[in-house]
Structure formats: C-alpha cells, structure tokens
C-alpha atoms as a PDB file:
ATOM      1  CA  MET A   1      -0.092  -0.163  -0.050  1.00  0.00           C
ATOM      2  CA  THR A   2       1.248   3.637  -0.975  1.00  0.00           C
ATOM      3  CA  LEU A   3       1.354   6.515   1.511  1.00  0.00           C
ATOM      4  CA  GLN A   4      -1.547   8.285  -1.554  1.00  0.00           C
ATOM      5  CA  ASN A   5      -4.562   5.031  -0.198  1.00  0.00           C
ATOM      6  CA  TYR A   6      -4.326   6.957   3.537  1.00  0.00           C
ATOM      7  CA  ASN A   7      -6.994   9.124   4.373  1.00  0.00           C
ATOM      8  CA  SER A   8      -4.401  10.727   7.077  1.00  0.00           C
ATOM      9  CA  SER A   9      -0.999  10.402   7.528  1.00  0.00           C
ATOM     10  CA  PRO A  10      -0.063   6.751   8.917  1.00  0.00           C
ATOM     11  CA  GLU A  11       1.255   7.029  12.184  1.00  0.00           C
ATOM     12  CA  PHE A  12       3.533   4.649  14.676  1.00  0.00           C
ATOM     13  CA  ILE A  13       2.145   3.880  18.007  1.00  0.00           C
ATOM     14  CA  ASP A  14       4.333   2.118  21.325  1.00  0.00           C
ATOM     15  CA  ILE A  15       3.878  -0.557  23.590  1.00  0.00           C
ATOM     16  CA  ASP A  16       2.422   1.237  25.832  1.00  0.00           C
ATOM     17  CA  THR A  17      -0.014   3.172  23.604  1.00  0.00           C
ATOM     18  CA  THR A  18      -1.229  -0.051  21.710  1.00  0.00           C
ATOM     19  CA  SER A  19      -1.810  -2.350  25.250  1.00  0.00           C
ATOM     20  CA  LYS A  20      -3.391   0.840  26.725  1.00  0.00           C
ATOM     21  CA  GLN A  21      -5.765   0.929  22.813  1.00  0.00           C
ATOM     22  CA  VAL A  22      -6.508  -2.631  23.214  1.00  0.00           C
ATOM     23  CA  SER A  23      -6.777  -2.973  27.017  1.00  0.00           C
ATOM     24  CA  LEU A  24      -4.879  -6.037  26.916  1.00  0.00           C
ATOM     25  CA  GLY A  25      -1.343  -6.277  28.812  1.00  0.00           C
ATOM     26  CA  LYS A  26       1.998  -5.548  27.778  1.00  0.00           C
ATOM     27  CA  SER A  27       3.073  -8.994  27.914  1.00  0.00           C
ATOM     28  CA  THR A  28      -0.258 -10.039  26.123  1.00  0.00           C
ATOM     29  CA  VAL A  29      -0.043  -8.023  22.937  1.00  0.00           C
ATOM     30  CA  LEU A  30       3.126  -9.393  22.906  1.00  0.00           C
ATOM     31  CA  ALA A  31       2.705 -12.803  23.320  1.00  0.00           C
ATOM     32  CA  TRP A  32       0.106 -12.678  20.995  1.00  0.00           C
ATOM     33  CA  GLU A  33       1.978 -10.944  17.948  1.00  0.00           C
ATOM     34  CA  ALA A  34       4.172 -14.158  18.404  1.00  0.00           C
ATOM     35  CA  VAL A  35       1.366 -16.820  17.538  1.00  0.00           C
ATOM     36  CA  GLY A  36      -0.272 -14.388  14.958  1.00  0.00           C
ATOM     37  CA  LYS A  37      -3.054 -13.663  17.002  1.00  0.00           C
ATOM     38  CA  PHE A  38      -2.387  -9.749  17.268  1.00  0.00           C
ATOM     39  CA  PRO A  39      -0.796  -7.565  14.517  1.00  0.00           C
ATOM     40  CA  ARG A  40       3.021  -7.580  13.421  1.00  0.00           C
ATOM     41  CA  ALA A  41       4.904  -4.603  15.437  1.00  0.00           C
ATOM     42  CA  VAL A  42       7.800  -3.029  12.550  1.00  0.00           C
ATOM     43  CA  ARG A  43      11.411  -2.576  14.587  1.00  0.00           C
ATOM     44  CA  LEU A  44      12.717   0.388  14.407  1.00  0.00           C
ATOM     45  CA  SER A  45      16.333  -1.259  16.028  1.00  0.00           C
ATOM     46  CA  PRO A  46      16.659  -4.238  18.095  1.00  0.00           C
ATOM     47  CA  THR A  47      15.143  -2.949  20.982  1.00  0.00           C
ATOM     48  CA  LYS A  48      12.045  -0.649  20.045  1.00  0.00           C
ATOM     49  CA  ARG A  49       8.855  -1.607  18.721  1.00  0.00           C
ATOM     50  CA  VAL A  50       6.148  -0.626  16.880  1.00  0.00           C
ATOM     51  CA  TRP A  51       2.607  -0.644  15.590  1.00  0.00           C
ATOM     52  CA  LEU A  52       0.855   0.982  12.692  1.00  0.00           C
ATOM     53  CA  ARG A  53      -2.151   3.060  14.272  1.00  0.00           C
ATOM     54  CA  GLU A  54      -4.417   1.811  11.446  1.00  0.00           C
ATOM     55  CA  ASP A  55      -3.207  -2.094  12.223  1.00  0.00           C
ATOM     56  CA  ILE A  56      -4.407  -2.270  15.970  1.00  0.00           C
ATOM     57  CA  ASN A  57      -7.828  -0.241  15.016  1.00  0.00           C
ATOM     58  CA  ASN A  58      -8.745  -2.604  12.341  1.00  0.00           C
ATOM     59  CA  TRP A  59      -7.542  -5.331  14.602  1.00  0.00           C
ATOM     60  CA  ILE A  60     -10.537  -4.045  16.679  1.00  0.00           C
ATOM     61  CA  ILE A  61     -13.203  -3.929  13.927  1.00  0.00           C
ATOM     62  CA  SER A  62     -12.413  -7.370  13.198  1.00  0.00           C
ATOM     63  CA  LYS A  63     -13.056  -8.181  16.655  1.00  0.00           C
ATOM     64  CA  HIS A  64     -16.161  -6.630  17.445  1.00  0.00           C
ATOM     65  CA  ALA A  65     -17.087  -7.769  14.172  1.00  0.00           C
ATOM     66  CA  ASP A  66     -16.468 -11.608  15.127  1.00  0.00           C
ATOM     67  CA  ARG A  67     -18.092 -11.009  18.692  1.00  0.00           C
ATOM     68  CA  GLY A  68     -21.382 -10.178  16.127  1.00  0.00           C
ATOM     69  CA  LEU A  69     -20.791 -13.022  14.181  1.00  0.00           C
ATOM     70  CA  LEU A  70     -20.925 -14.830  17.156  1.00  0.00           C
ATOM     71  CA  ASN A  71     -23.971 -13.672  18.980  1.00  0.00           C
ATOM     72  CA  THR A  72     -25.675 -14.123  15.534  1.00  0.00           C
ATOM     73  CA  GLU A  73     -25.129 -17.931  15.826  1.00  0.00           C
ATOM     74  CA  LYS A  74     -26.014 -17.782  19.457  1.00  0.00           C
ATOM     75  CA  GLN A  75     -28.964 -16.421  18.305  1.00  0.00           C
ATOM     76  CA  SER A  76     -29.520 -18.746  15.456  1.00  0.00           C
ATOM     77  CA  GLU A  77     -29.051 -22.134  18.120  1.00  0.00           C
ATOM     78  CA  GLN A  78     -31.083 -20.090  20.624  1.00  0.00           C
ATOM     79  CA  ARG A  79     -33.959 -20.388  17.951  1.00  0.00           C
ATOM     80  CA  ASN A  80     -33.023 -23.804  16.929  1.00  0.00           C
ATOM     81  CA  ILE A  81     -33.600 -25.481  20.967  1.00  0.00           C
ATOM     82  CA  ASN A  82     -36.727 -23.135  21.022  1.00  0.00           C
ATOM     83  CA  LYS A  83     -38.437 -24.917  18.364  1.00  0.00           C
ATOM     84  CA  LEU A  84     -37.317 -28.072  20.031  1.00  0.00           C
ATOM     85  CA  PRO A  85     -40.419 -30.218  21.019  1.00  0.00           C
ATOM     86  CA  THR A  86     -41.210 -30.067  24.610  1.00  0.00           C
ATOM     87  CA  GLU A  87     -41.693 -33.483  26.183  1.00  0.00           C
ATOM     88  CA  ASN A  88     -45.730 -32.977  26.145  1.00  0.00           C
ATOM     89  CA  GLU A  89     -45.295 -32.362  22.866  1.00  0.00           C
ATOM     90  CA  SER A  90     -43.430 -34.903  21.751  1.00  0.00           C
ATOM     91  CA  ASP A  91     -45.873 -37.378  23.603  1.00  0.00           C
ATOM     92  CA  GLY A  92     -48.757 -36.326  21.552  1.00  0.00           C
ATOM     93  CA  ILE A  93     -50.264 -35.094  24.816  1.00  0.00           C
END
C-alpha cells in the first residue's frame, strides 16, 4: 500500500499506547503477536517495536465483527432450541 492510499498520515504507536488502546497487558500483546493473534509490530531498532495505528484499529474492528458473528450464531442456536418439542408435545399430549 502506498502513502497515497491513506486518508490520513500513518502513525506509529508504542507498546504502552497499543496495550492501553486494546485493553490488554503488554505481555499479552507480545505473546499474541508471536503466535499471529495480533498485528505484527514494526521493528525500528533491536529494542524498539511499534505498531501502525491503522493496523490496531482494524484489529479492534475485526474483534467487534467476530463478536457480532458469534452473537448471531448463538441467537440462531437459541431459536433452534426453542423450536424443539417439549416432552409433552413429543408424547402427543
């Protein structure tokens, strides 16, 4: 992606800001990054890593979308459970 595709200037955020933005501990952010559950950091030096704010915002949006999908699946399961006949209905009473 080139800079022309950005609506605003790209911005790096450090581990403290990233951790606060996603409400996770720093160690969780780093562990999840290591296993691919979190966006990859940009290494500015051997001891400094940062994230693109846009990547973090997109990750948050994806988590929100996942939650909505899970809620929809749960609602569907609940509707199916509600359609099951009760004990009296299945006996023809």
